[in-house]
Every structure is written in C-alpha cells, then in structure tokens.
C-alpha atoms as a PDB file:
ATOM      1  CA  MET A   1       0.002  -0.004  -0.001  1.00  0.00           C
ATOM      2  CA  THR A   2       1.197   3.494  -0.770  1.00  0.00           C
ATOM      3  CA  ILE A   3       0.180   6.258   1.612  1.00  0.00           C
ATOM      4  CA  LEU A   4       0.395   9.948   0.695  1.00  0.00           C
ATOM      5  CA  SER A   5       0.378  12.786   3.215  1.00  0.00           C
ATOM      6  CA  SER A   6       0.815  16.534   3.304  1.00  0.00           C
ATOM      7  CA  ILE A   7       2.988  18.528   5.689  1.00  0.00           C
ATOM      8  CA  ALA A   8       3.020  22.252   6.402  1.00  0.00           C
ATOM      9  CA  ILE A   9       6.369  23.967   5.763  1.00  0.00           C
ATOM     10  CA  ARG A  10       7.290  27.395   7.068  1.00  0.00           C
ATOM     11  CA  CYS A  11       9.899  29.138   4.936  1.00  0.00           C
ATOM     12  CA  GLN A  12      12.452  31.626   6.247  1.00  0.00           C
ATOM     13  CA  CYS A  13      10.277  34.336   4.673  1.00  0.00           C
ATOM     14  CA  GLU A  14       7.506  33.168   7.075  1.00  0.00           C
ATOM     15  CA  HIS A  15       5.333  31.894   4.228  1.00  0.00           C
ATOM     16  CA  VAL A  16       3.569  28.634   5.157  1.00  0.00           C
ATOM     17  CA  PHE A  17       2.691  26.141   2.428  1.00  0.00           C
ATOM     18  CA  ASN A  18       1.762  22.459   2.109  1.00  0.00           C
ATOM     19  CA  PHE A  19       4.119  19.884   0.618  1.00  0.00           C
ATOM     20  CA  GLY A  20       2.904  16.443  -0.440  1.00  0.00           C
ATOM     21  CA  LEU A  21       5.057  13.384   0.115  1.00  0.00           C
ATOM     22  CA  PRO A  22       4.497   9.655   0.478  1.00  0.00           C
ATOM     23  CA  GLU A  23       4.716   7.963   3.856  1.00  0.00           C
ATOM     24  CA  SER A  24       5.250   4.683   2.028  1.00  0.00           C
ATOM     25  CA  ILE A  25       5.882   3.341  -1.467  1.00  0.00           C
ATOM     26  CA  THR A  26       5.082  -0.133  -2.760  1.00  0.00           C
ATOM     27  CA  THR A  27       7.844  -0.360  -5.346  1.00  0.00           C
ATOM     28  CA  TRP A  28       6.403  -3.010  -7.669  1.00  0.00           C
ATOM     29  CA  LEU A  29       3.105  -1.162  -7.968  1.00  0.00           C
ATOM     30  CA  TYR A  30       4.489   2.369  -8.366  1.00  0.00           C
ATOM     31  CA  PRO A  31       7.932   2.444 -10.045  1.00  0.00           C
ATOM     32  CA  ASP A  32       7.147   6.008 -11.178  1.00  0.00           C
ATOM     33  CA  MET A  33       7.110   7.040  -7.508  1.00  0.00           C
ATOM     34  CA  VAL A  34      10.554   5.452  -7.115  1.00  0.00           C
ATOM     35  CA  GLN A  35      11.768   7.631  -9.995  1.00  0.00           C
ATOM     36  CA  THR A  36      10.338  10.738  -8.283  1.00  0.00           C
ATOM     37  CA  LEU A  37      12.095   9.698  -5.060  1.00  0.00           C
ATOM     38  CA  VAL A  38      15.413   9.215  -6.899  1.00  0.00           C
ATOM     39  CA  ASP A  39      14.991  12.586  -8.640  1.00  0.00           C
ATOM     40  CA  GLY A  40      14.409  14.344  -5.299  1.00  0.00           C
ATOM     41  CA  GLY A  41      10.774  15.191  -5.893  1.00  0.00           C
ATOM     42  CA  TYR A  42       9.698  14.000  -2.447  1.00  0.00           C
ATOM     43  CA  TYR A  43      12.223  15.961  -0.420  1.00  0.00           C
ATOM     44  CA  GLN A  44      13.277  18.965  -2.512  1.00  0.00           C
ATOM     45  CA  THR A  45      10.964  21.890  -3.082  1.00  0.00           C
ATOM     46  CA  ALA A  46      11.013  25.684  -3.282  1.00  0.00           C
ATOM     47  CA  CYS A  47       8.976  28.270  -1.440  1.00  0.00           C
ATOM     48  CA  PRO A  48       6.173  29.479  -3.734  1.00  0.00           C
ATOM     49  CA  ASN A  49       6.540  32.960  -2.228  1.00  0.00           C
ATOM     50  CA  CYS A  50      10.290  33.642  -2.404  1.00  0.00           C
ATOM     51  CA  SER A  51      11.639  30.646  -4.432  1.00  0.00           C
ATOM     52  CA  VAL A  52      14.185  29.658  -1.755  1.00  0.00           C
ATOM     53  CA  PRO A  53      15.081  25.961  -2.185  1.00  0.00           C
ATOM     54  CA  ILE A  54      13.965  23.794   0.735  1.00  0.00           C
ATOM     55  CA  ILE A  55      15.042  20.261   1.584  1.00  0.00           C
ATOM     56  CA  VAL A  56      12.572  18.227   3.623  1.00  0.00           C
ATOM     57  CA  ASN A  57      14.296  15.781   5.982  1.00  0.00           C
ATOM     58  CA  SER A  58      12.074  12.764   6.213  1.00  0.00           C
ATOM     59  CA  GLU A  59      11.890   9.003   6.035  1.00  0.00           C
ATOM     60  CA  ILE A  60       9.789   6.988   3.636  1.00  0.00           C
ATOM     61  CA  MET A  61       8.770   3.399   4.255  1.00  0.00           C
ATOM     62  CA  VAL A  62       9.693   1.491   1.111  1.00  0.00           C
ATOM     63  CA  ASN A  63       8.205  -1.934   0.442  1.00  0.00           C
ATOM     64  CA  THR A  64      10.846  -3.775  -1.587  1.00  0.00           C
ATOM     65  CA  PRO A  65      11.501  -7.317  -2.805  1.00  0.00           C
ATOM     66  CA  LYS A  66      13.929  -7.620   0.125  1.00  0.00           C
ATOM     67  CA  GLY A  67      11.454  -6.472   2.763  1.00  0.00           C
ATOM     68  CA  ILE A  68      10.062  -3.260   4.189  1.00  0.00           C
ATOM     69  CA  ILE A  69      12.573  -0.636   5.240  1.00  0.00           C
ATOM     70  CA  MET A  70      12.583   3.019   6.285  1.00  0.00           C
ATOM     71  CA  VAL A  71      14.642   4.993   3.767  1.00  0.00           C
ATOM     72  CA  PRO A  72      15.915   8.443   4.744  1.00  0.00           C
ATOM     73  CA  THR A  73      15.512  11.154   2.144  1.00  0.00           C
ATOM     74  CA  GLY A  74      18.728  12.956   1.474  1.00  0.00           C
ATOM     75  CA  PRO A  75      21.592  13.253  -0.966  1.00  0.00           C
ATOM     76  CA  PRO A  76      20.593  11.618  -4.272  1.00  0.00           C
ATOM     77  CA  GLU A  77      23.760   9.530  -4.586  1.00  0.00           C
ATOM     78  CA  LYS A  78      23.353   8.016  -1.114  1.00  0.00           C
ATOM     79  CA  LEU A  79      19.678   7.374  -1.797  1.00  0.00           C
ATOM     80  CA  LYS A  80      20.467   5.696  -5.156  1.00  0.00           C
ATOM     81  CA  ASP A  81      22.987   3.439  -3.387  1.00  0.00           C
ATOM     82  CA  ILE A  82      20.408   2.400  -0.766  1.00  0.00           C
ATOM     83  CA  LEU A  83      17.755   1.753  -3.421  1.00  0.00           C
ATOM     84  CA  HIS A  84      20.273  -0.201  -5.544  1.00  0.00           C
ATOM     85  CA  ARG A  85      21.134  -2.466  -2.602  1.00  0.00           C
ATOM     86  CA  LEU A  86      17.396  -3.043  -2.105  1.00  0.00           C
ATOM     87  CA  GLU A  87      17.101  -4.098  -5.797  1.00  0.00           C
ATOM     88  CA  ILE A  88      14.753  -1.250  -6.737  1.00  0.00           C
ATOM     89  CA  VAL A  89      17.059   0.647  -9.120  1.00  0.00           C
ATOM     90  CA  ASP A  90      19.905  -0.431 -11.390  1.00  0.00           C
ATOM     91  CA  ASP A  91      23.546   0.760 -11.229  1.00  0.00           C
ATOM     92  CA  THR A  92      22.645   4.084 -12.853  1.00  0.00           C
ATOM     93  CA  GLY A  93      19.758   4.829 -10.467  1.00  0.00           C
ATOM     94  CA  THR A  94      17.039   3.967 -12.986  1.00  0.00           C
ATOM     95  CA  PRO A  95      14.084   2.184 -11.353  1.00  0.00           C
ATOM     96  CA  PHE A  96      13.304  -1.340 -12.469  1.00  0.00           C
ATOM     97  CA  SER A  97       9.913  -1.912 -14.099  1.00  0.00           C
ATOM     98  CA  SER A  98       6.979  -3.342 -12.155  1.00  0.00           C
ATOM     99  CA  GLU A  99       7.545  -6.691 -13.855  1.00  0.00           C
ATOM    100  CA  GLU A 100      11.237  -6.810 -12.941  1.00  0.00           C
ATOM    101  CA  ILE A 101      10.537  -5.911  -9.316  1.00  0.00           C
ATOM    102  CA  SER A 102       7.733  -8.510  -9.165  1.00  0.00           C
ATOM    103  CA  GLU A 103      10.117 -11.160 -10.515  1.00  0.00           C
ATOM    104  CA  ARG A 104      12.660 -10.226  -7.835  1.00  0.00           C
ATOM    105  CA  LEU A 105       9.929 -10.410  -5.206  1.00  0.00           C
ATOM    106  CA  GLU A 106       8.876 -13.894  -6.367  1.00  0.00           C
ATOM    107  CA  TYR A 107      12.506 -15.050  -6.396  1.00  0.00           C
ATOM    108  CA  ASN A 108      13.095 -13.683  -2.893  1.00  0.00           C
ATOM    109  CA  MET A 109       9.912 -15.355  -1.611  1.00  0.00           C
ATOM    110  CA  GLU A 110      11.167 -18.685  -2.980  1.00  0.00           C
ATOM    111  CA  HIS A 111      14.583 -18.152  -1.357  1.00  0.00           C
ATOM    112  CA  LEU A 112      13.583 -16.698   2.011  1.00  0.00           C
ATOM    113  CA  ASP A 113      16.209 -18.700   3.864  1.00  0.00           C
ATOM    114  CA  GLU A 114      18.935 -16.820   1.898  1.00  0.00           C
ATOM    115  CA  ASN A 115      17.578 -13.323   2.709  1.00  0.00           C
ATOM    116  CA  PRO A 116      20.029 -11.588   5.085  1.00  0.00           C
ATOM    117  CA  LEU A 117      17.471  -8.962   6.116  1.00  0.00           C
ATOM    118  CA  LEU A 118      14.944 -11.642   7.070  1.00  0.00           C
ATOM    119  CA  LYS A 119      17.645 -13.581   8.939  1.00  0.00           C
ATOM    120  CA  LYS A 120      18.422 -10.478  11.021  1.00  0.00           C
ATOM    121  CA  GLN A 121      14.713  -9.959  11.736  1.00  0.00           C
ATOM    122  CA  GLN A 122      14.396 -13.575  12.860  1.00  0.00           C
ATOM    123  CA  GLU A 123      17.495 -13.257  15.076  1.00  0.00           C
ATOM    124  CA  MET A 124      16.057 -10.124  16.695  1.00  0.00           C
ATOM    125  CA  GLN A 125      12.723 -11.837  17.214  1.00  0.00           C
ATOM    126  CA  LYS A 126      14.485 -14.759  18.943  1.00  0.00           C
ATOM    127  CA  LEU A 127      16.310 -12.313  21.221  1.00  0.00           C
ATOM    128  CA  LEU A 128      13.185 -10.303  22.029  1.00  0.00           C
ATOM    129  CA  GLY A 129      10.731 -13.172  22.009  1.00  0.00           C
ATOM    130  CA  ASP A 130       7.058 -12.775  21.279  1.00  0.00           C
ATOM    131  CA  PRO A 131       6.311  -9.011  21.132  1.00  0.00           C
ATOM    132  CA  ASN A 132       2.900  -9.553  22.780  1.00  0.00           C
ATOM    133  CA  LYS A 133       4.520 -11.325  25.747  1.00  0.00           C
ATOM    134  CA  PHE A 134       7.106  -8.537  25.992  1.00  0.00           C
ATOM    135  CA  LEU A 135       4.358  -5.894  26.097  1.00  0.00           C
ATOM    136  CA  GLU A 136       2.423  -7.864  28.702  1.00  0.00           C
ATOM    137  CA  LYS A 137       5.523  -8.115  30.933  1.00  0.00           C
ATOM    138  CA  PHE A 138       6.111  -4.395  30.511  1.00  0.00           C
ATOM    139  CA  LYS A 139       2.506  -3.577  31.482  1.00  0.00           C
ATOM    140  CA  ASN A 140       2.683  -5.884  34.515  1.00  0.00           C
ATOM    141  CA  LYS A 141       5.909  -4.253  35.736  1.00  0.00           C
ATOM    142  CA  LYS A 142       4.268  -0.838  35.419  1.00  0.00           C
ATOM    143  CA  LYS A 143       1.270  -2.034  37.447  1.00  0.00           C
ATOM    144  CA  GLU A 144       3.571  -3.466  40.165  1.00  0.00           C
ATOM    145  CA  LYS A 145       5.445  -0.156  40.434  1.00  0.00           C
ATOM    146  CA  LYS A 146       2.160   1.735  40.824  1.00  0.00           C
ATOM    147  CA  LYS A 147       1.012  -0.651  43.585  1.00  0.00           C
ATOM    148  CA  LYS A 148       4.317  -0.366  45.446  1.00  0.00           C
ATOM    149  CA  LYS A 149       4.247   3.399  45.153  1.00  0.00           C
ATOM    150  CA  ARG A 150       0.639   3.582  46.344  1.00  0.00           C
ATOM    151  CA  PHE A 151       1.306   1.413  49.402  1.00  0.00           C
ATOM    152  CA  GLY A 152       4.658   3.053  50.201  1.00  0.00           C
ATOM    153  CA  LEU A 153       6.735  -0.014  49.484  1.00  0.00           C
ATOM    154  CA  PHE A 154       9.450   1.934  47.650  1.00  0.00           C
END
C-alpha cells in the first residue's frame, strides 16, 4: 500500500505552504514514484513565495522485494545506493519496471532462507521473544510499580 500525506512547511520568509510526500511506497506497484524519489521530488521543493530551495528531511517506508525498510531522504547519490542495494534501481539509479521488481519479489519469496534482512529480523525476534509477551511483561511491571508506590513499598 502506498500512503500519501501533506505537511506544512514554514519558509524563512515566514510563508507557510503544504508539501505532499508519500509515507510509504510499494515499489512493484508504483515504479514512477521510485523515480520521483530518486529525482528528489519528495524531499526537494522551493517556497512558492520567495523561491528559496527547501530540503525536507524525512523517512519513507519502502516496500521492496527484500522487505520493508525506512529509507531516509537525502543526498541523491546516497539514496540511489540504498535503493540499488534493495534491488529497486539499477547501477545508474534507474528504477526497475513493475515486472522486474515482481520477478525479484517472487525469487526472494522462494529463497527466504537466503535473505540476510529476514535472517536479522528472525534473530532479533528470537532475542526479544514474542512481542505480545514482551508488552504484557512491561505492562505488569508498570502495574507493580504503581502498587508499590501507592502502598509506600518503595
């Protein structure tokens, strides 16, 4: 799913204007949005009042064949390198077509055990355990602290 949002930007001239950017991009459905990201369209703008260039520091959740990752907006070369490692763009920074990305997704789904990103996620999950159990323990500890504090047991 691709989610679009709008943020208010205040320029140094005090002019306030809205800037649209995606919160997330599903790469195999919207390769044109990947091109806009690579070109800087989601983090570079200019004030409509005084034309001062403005860079929006943000993160965009990118759904890729290698998993979902938060990608920081920033210098185009760094961004192209990140997107290349995620198999979204080629060596020159040109986005792959929907079909090519879909093929990569299918391949990665068939070879999940070879995916280093998934392996790291699984390792973290083993270390942390079930997130629901972790949250329950956290809530219980909070309740215990409140009881102790209320009865003066601290």
